[in-house]
Structures are given as structure tokens and as C-alpha cells.
Amino acid sequence: MDVAKPSIADVFAEYLAERQQKLAKSTFQKYQGIIETFEGCLDGYAYQALDPAEEELWRSRWEVDEEAGSFCRTFGPDKILGEIGGFLDWYVIRKVLGPQWIAERAGPVMRDFVGWLVEKGYVPAEDAEDAIDIATDAGRNLPRADKLTSLLYDLTEAPVRGKAIEDLDIVGDMVSISKVEPGMLWFRGPDGEEIGPLKVPPAASKVASVGWEVSATHFLRTGKGWHLVEIGNVYPMG
């Protein structure tokens, strides 16, 4: 098994060189930032999906030189599409600590990139359909999920008034949004228990969707209702 030609890194460079000729400088810098973030995701995690022979090739190169032997400098564009979902649905939410524009632009840039891969013949059009759908959904949902995370985090800053009647610390698991009404959210815990209603700002209920998941939550119920005292991230599932 040989190193791919062109490699993923080569394809990234070609894509960015073309976009640099067409986009305003400020817009291009955002495209570049998203692609570099995606490259970091691939180099850090995509090896986990390799078959034994592929992993042996990658590891033999990586152990000699982590940069020259990176995932993106070893494998070709056929390895890209299967990683789009993990990048947009997990990595951007969980691992990227950056400005808000990353959540806003990640989906549209990845959609554009996948379309470009098809146009250049690097991937078959039929194989790219799922990745395009994922990127389209991310373009719509990631900014909303990012806003909801921020609004729910603000709730954790408020003092809890009253004695706790129920204490649900679900830091190690997910809850899902089970119902949305203006100014109110309900959640379903990992054991199927209903949590809510939780009073939220109208802006939070406006962007929330049933089925979205929330990590690292800690709820308290007092005589005045439910309170959110800890939150991780909102994941726009589905």
C-alpha cells in the first residue's frame, strides 16, 4: 500500500488556492480557517476508522514524522466524505474553542468543498449526497445550537432559590429536548425521565428543536420549579 497521490493535504491546498482567487480576503480567511480546522480533525481522529493495513501504513509514517506522516498527507480524497458528519456533528461542537463564525460558516464551507470535490472528479456525485445533506443541515442548525448553548449557559449563572427537592446530575450522559413551548423547554433523561418545564428566555425556545441532545447537564428542582446549574454543549441531532 502506497501513499495517496494526490493526498488530502494536496486537495485542501488546491481547493484553497482556487477559492483565494474568487473570494474577498476576509471571506477567504474564514474558508481557510474551516479547512484547517477540518484538517486538524482528520489528523487527530480519522485514523480510528482505518482498516488494519491502512493503519499500519499510517502509523509507520506517523511514528517517524508526525507532520509529514499525518493522516492528511498519507491518504487521498476517498477518505474525506465519511468524516464530514463527525466533523460537523461532534468536532466543531465539542473540540473547537473559537469565534462564533466557525459555527456559522462550517456547514456552508463544507458543502461548497464537497461540491468542489465532485466537480473535480475526486469523489463520485452519488457518494457525496449524504455529506452534502449533512453540511446543509449543519449550516442551518450549528448556529442555532451554538446560540442555545450560550443562552442555557447564562441560566446556570443565576442563583438557585429555594431548597432542592430533586437533584439530577447527568454530567456523564446526554439528555434530549423532548418538548418546546415559548419560554419553556422539557428534557428527557437517559433513563426516560422527564425533566421540566425549565423556564428559558424566549430566544432559547425559538432556536431549540425537539430531539437535540445536551451534554453534561445538572438540574435542580425546588418549590419554584426546575433550574439548570450546569451544561456542556447542545448537539443538533437529526
Protein backbone atom coordinates (compact mmCIF):
# COMPACT_ATOMS: atom_id res chain seq x y z
CA MET A 1 0.00 0.00 0.00
CA ASP A 2 1.36 3.39 -1.07
CA VAL A 3 0.86 6.97 -0.01
CA ALA A 4 -2.01 8.52 -1.96
CA LYS A 5 -1.37 10.95 -4.79
CA PRO A 6 -2.92 13.44 -4.51
CA SER A 7 -3.18 13.36 -0.75
CA ILE A 8 -5.94 15.01 1.24
CA ALA A 9 -3.50 17.79 2.09
CA ASP A 10 -2.84 18.32 -1.64
CA VAL A 11 -6.57 18.53 -2.30
CA PHE A 12 -7.07 21.04 0.52
CA ALA A 13 -4.28 23.20 -0.90
CA GLU A 14 -5.78 23.08 -4.41
CA TYR A 15 -9.24 23.99 -3.15
CA LEU A 16 -7.98 26.92 -1.09
CA ALA A 17 -5.81 28.21 -3.95
CA GLU A 18 -8.87 28.33 -6.21
CA ARG A 19 -11.08 29.95 -3.60
CA GLN A 20 -8.44 32.56 -2.84
CA GLN A 21 -8.72 33.75 -6.43
CA LYS A 22 -12.51 34.14 -6.20
CA LEU A 23 -13.28 35.34 -2.68
CA ALA A 24 -12.77 38.56 -0.79
CA LYS A 25 -9.84 38.38 1.60
CA SER A 26 -11.98 38.33 4.75
CA THR A 27 -14.25 35.62 3.35
CA PHE A 28 -11.32 33.53 2.16
CA GLN A 29 -9.75 33.67 5.63
CA LYS A 30 -12.88 32.04 7.02
CA TYR A 31 -12.81 29.33 4.37
CA GLN A 32 -9.15 28.74 5.17
CA GLY A 33 -9.92 28.57 8.89
CA ILE A 34 -12.65 25.96 8.39
CA ILE A 35 -10.50 23.79 6.12
CA GLU A 36 -7.56 23.97 8.53
CA THR A 37 -9.90 23.02 11.38
CA PHE A 38 -11.18 20.06 9.34
CA GLU A 39 -7.60 19.02 8.60
CA GLY A 40 -6.85 19.06 12.32
CA CYS A 41 -9.91 16.89 12.96
CA LEU A 42 -8.81 14.35 10.34
CA ASP A 43 -5.23 14.23 11.56
CA GLY A 44 -6.35 13.81 15.15
CA TYR A 45 -9.17 11.30 14.84
CA ALA A 46 -9.79 9.83 11.37
CA TYR A 47 -7.18 7.09 11.79
CA GLN A 48 -9.65 5.33 14.09
CA ALA A 49 -11.71 4.28 11.05
CA LEU A 50 -8.78 2.73 9.14
CA ASP A 51 -8.57 -0.96 8.39
CA PRO A 52 -5.50 -2.82 9.76
CA ALA A 53 -3.40 -2.44 6.61
CA GLU A 54 -4.18 1.26 6.33
CA GLU A 55 -3.43 1.84 9.98
CA GLU A 56 -0.10 0.06 9.63
CA LEU A 57 0.83 2.36 6.73
CA TRP A 58 -0.24 5.49 8.59
CA ARG A 59 1.39 4.53 11.88
CA SER A 60 4.70 3.58 10.25
CA ARG A 61 4.89 7.07 8.72
CA TRP A 62 3.47 8.96 11.69
CA GLU A 63 5.90 7.42 14.18
CA VAL A 64 8.82 8.68 12.06
CA ASP A 65 7.44 12.20 11.48
CA GLU A 66 4.04 13.21 12.88
CA GLU A 67 3.65 16.10 10.44
CA ALA A 68 4.95 14.52 7.23
CA GLY A 69 3.26 11.24 8.13
CA SER A 70 -0.08 12.75 9.14
CA PHE A 71 -3.39 11.24 8.07
CA CYS A 72 -3.98 14.01 5.54
CA ARG A 73 -0.54 13.52 3.98
CA THR A 74 -0.95 9.76 3.77
CA PHE A 75 -4.44 9.18 2.40
CA GLY A 76 -6.43 10.54 -0.52
CA PRO A 77 -9.78 12.29 -1.02
CA ASP A 78 -11.69 9.00 -0.85
CA LYS A 79 -11.28 9.24 2.94
CA ILE A 80 -12.95 12.66 3.21
CA LEU A 81 -16.68 12.11 2.84
CA GLY A 82 -17.04 9.62 5.69
CA GLU A 83 -15.56 12.15 8.12
CA ILE A 84 -17.83 15.11 7.30
CA GLY A 85 -20.50 14.04 9.80
CA GLY A 86 -18.13 13.60 12.70
CA PHE A 87 -16.52 16.94 11.97
CA LEU A 88 -19.76 18.92 11.84
CA ASP A 89 -21.82 16.99 14.37
CA TRP A 90 -19.13 16.47 17.01
CA TYR A 91 -15.75 18.09 16.45
CA VAL A 92 -16.96 21.64 15.74
CA ILE A 93 -19.24 21.49 18.78
CA ARG A 94 -17.06 19.64 21.25
CA LYS A 95 -13.46 20.41 20.33
CA VAL A 96 -13.37 23.81 18.66
CA LEU A 97 -12.99 26.76 21.01
CA GLY A 98 -13.20 29.65 18.61
CA PRO A 99 -15.26 32.60 17.36
CA GLN A 100 -18.95 32.26 16.54
CA TRP A 101 -18.33 32.46 12.80
CA ILE A 102 -16.90 28.93 12.87
CA ALA A 103 -20.32 27.52 13.80
CA GLU A 104 -21.97 29.82 11.27
CA ARG A 105 -19.65 29.04 8.36
CA ALA A 106 -18.60 25.42 8.91
CA GLY A 107 -21.66 23.92 7.20
CA PRO A 108 -21.69 26.21 4.14
CA VAL A 109 -17.94 25.87 3.60
CA MET A 110 -18.03 22.09 3.84
CA ARG A 111 -20.99 21.98 1.45
CA ASP A 112 -19.02 24.09 -1.01
CA PHE A 113 -15.94 21.90 -0.55
CA VAL A 114 -17.84 18.66 -1.14
CA GLY A 115 -19.43 20.14 -4.27
CA TRP A 116 -15.96 21.10 -5.46
CA LEU A 117 -14.69 17.54 -4.84
CA VAL A 118 -17.46 16.25 -7.10
CA GLU A 119 -16.78 18.91 -9.73
CA LYS A 120 -13.09 17.98 -9.81
CA GLY A 121 -13.84 14.27 -10.03
CA TYR A 122 -12.20 13.45 -6.72
CA VAL A 123 -15.37 11.75 -5.42
CA PRO A 124 -18.44 10.36 -7.25
CA ALA A 125 -21.53 12.56 -7.11
CA GLU A 126 -23.69 9.75 -5.71
CA ASP A 127 -21.24 9.17 -2.85
CA ALA A 128 -21.34 12.85 -1.91
CA GLU A 129 -25.11 13.13 -1.42
CA ASP A 130 -25.12 12.25 2.29
CA ALA A 131 -22.20 14.58 3.03
CA ILE A 132 -23.95 17.44 1.23
CA ASP A 133 -27.12 16.80 3.26
CA ILE A 134 -25.11 16.78 6.49
CA ALA A 135 -23.38 20.03 5.57
CA THR A 136 -26.69 21.64 4.60
CA ASP A 137 -28.26 20.66 7.93
CA ALA A 138 -25.19 21.92 9.78
CA GLY A 139 -25.39 25.26 8.02
CA ARG A 140 -28.91 25.67 9.37
CA ASN A 141 -28.53 24.09 12.81
CA LEU A 142 -25.00 24.73 14.08
CA PRO A 143 -25.52 28.49 14.59
CA ARG A 144 -28.82 27.80 16.39
CA ALA A 145 -27.24 25.16 18.62
CA ASP A 146 -24.34 27.47 19.40
CA LYS A 147 -26.78 30.23 20.40
CA LEU A 148 -28.84 27.84 22.51
CA THR A 149 -25.72 26.63 24.32
CA SER A 150 -24.87 30.22 25.19
CA LEU A 151 -28.39 31.05 26.37
CA LEU A 152 -28.64 27.92 28.53
CA TYR A 153 -25.21 28.59 29.98
CA ASP A 154 -26.44 32.03 31.04
CA LEU A 155 -29.16 30.29 33.07
CA THR A 156 -26.50 28.44 35.08
CA GLU A 157 -25.14 31.78 36.26
CA ALA A 158 -28.38 32.65 38.07
CA PRO A 159 -28.63 31.75 41.78
CA VAL A 160 -30.92 28.86 42.71
CA ARG A 161 -33.57 29.98 45.16
CA GLY A 162 -35.28 27.51 47.46
CA LYS A 163 -34.43 24.10 48.82
CA ALA A 164 -33.69 21.35 46.30
CA ILE A 165 -36.45 18.74 46.09
CA GLU A 166 -34.81 16.83 43.27
CA ASP A 167 -31.17 16.79 42.15
CA LEU A 168 -30.33 15.33 38.73
CA ASP A 169 -26.62 15.42 37.95
CA ILE A 170 -26.32 13.93 34.45
CA VAL A 171 -22.77 15.02 33.70
CA GLY A 172 -21.77 11.63 32.29
CA ASP A 173 -24.66 11.22 29.87
CA MET A 174 -26.95 13.09 27.49
CA VAL A 175 -30.44 14.48 27.84
CA SER A 176 -32.61 15.26 24.83
CA ILE A 177 -35.04 18.11 24.30
CA SER A 178 -38.45 16.46 24.38
CA LYS A 179 -40.81 19.45 24.14
CA VAL A 180 -40.55 23.12 23.21
CA GLU A 181 -43.00 25.88 24.05
CA PRO A 182 -42.47 29.65 24.14
CA GLY A 183 -40.22 30.35 27.12
CA MET A 184 -40.21 26.67 28.18
CA LEU A 185 -38.15 23.56 27.47
CA TRP A 186 -38.62 19.97 28.58
CA PHE A 187 -35.91 17.30 28.53
CA ARG A 188 -35.82 13.52 28.59
CA GLY A 189 -33.11 11.96 30.74
CA PRO A 190 -31.04 8.87 29.88
CA ASP A 191 -33.45 6.65 31.83
CA GLY A 192 -36.51 8.15 30.16
CA GLU A 193 -37.39 10.51 32.99
CA GLU A 194 -39.00 13.82 32.05
CA ILE A 195 -37.32 16.99 33.28
CA GLY A 196 -39.22 20.25 33.04
CA PRO A 197 -40.62 22.61 32.31
CA LEU A 198 -37.48 24.71 32.52
CA LYS A 199 -38.10 28.43 32.12
CA VAL A 200 -35.82 29.83 29.41
CA PRO A 201 -35.55 33.12 27.52
CA PRO A 202 -37.92 33.29 24.53
CA ALA A 203 -34.86 33.38 22.26
CA ALA A 204 -33.82 29.96 23.59
CA SER A 205 -37.14 28.26 22.90
CA LYS A 206 -37.19 29.91 19.46
CA VAL A 207 -33.94 28.24 18.35
CA ALA A 208 -34.37 24.90 20.19
CA SER A 209 -35.62 21.75 18.45
CA VAL A 210 -37.10 18.53 19.78
CA GLY A 211 -34.56 15.73 19.61
CA TRP A 212 -31.46 17.87 20.09
CA GLU A 213 -29.16 16.50 22.75
CA VAL A 214 -27.43 18.32 25.58
CA SER A 215 -24.33 17.08 27.41
CA ALA A 216 -23.08 17.48 30.98
CA THR A 217 -26.29 18.79 32.48
CA HIS A 218 -27.12 19.26 36.15
CA PHE A 219 -30.71 20.10 37.08
CA LEU A 220 -32.23 21.04 40.42
CA ARG A 221 -35.93 21.18 41.20
CA THR A 222 -37.11 23.43 44.01
CA GLY A 223 -40.53 24.62 45.05
CA LYS A 224 -40.15 27.32 42.39
CA GLY A 225 -39.58 24.83 39.56
CA TRP A 226 -36.63 23.44 37.63
CA HIS A 227 -33.24 25.13 37.49
CA LEU A 228 -30.25 24.43 35.25
CA VAL A 229 -26.98 24.65 37.19
CA GLU A 230 -24.55 23.03 34.73
CA ILE A 231 -24.38 22.44 30.98
CA GLY A 232 -21.87 21.20 28.43
CA ASN A 233 -22.89 21.56 24.77
CA VAL A 234 -26.01 21.36 22.63
CA TYR A 235 -25.83 18.83 19.79
CA PRO A 236 -28.25 19.47 16.88
CA MET A 237 -29.16 15.86 16.15
CA GLY A 238 -31.25 14.76 13.22
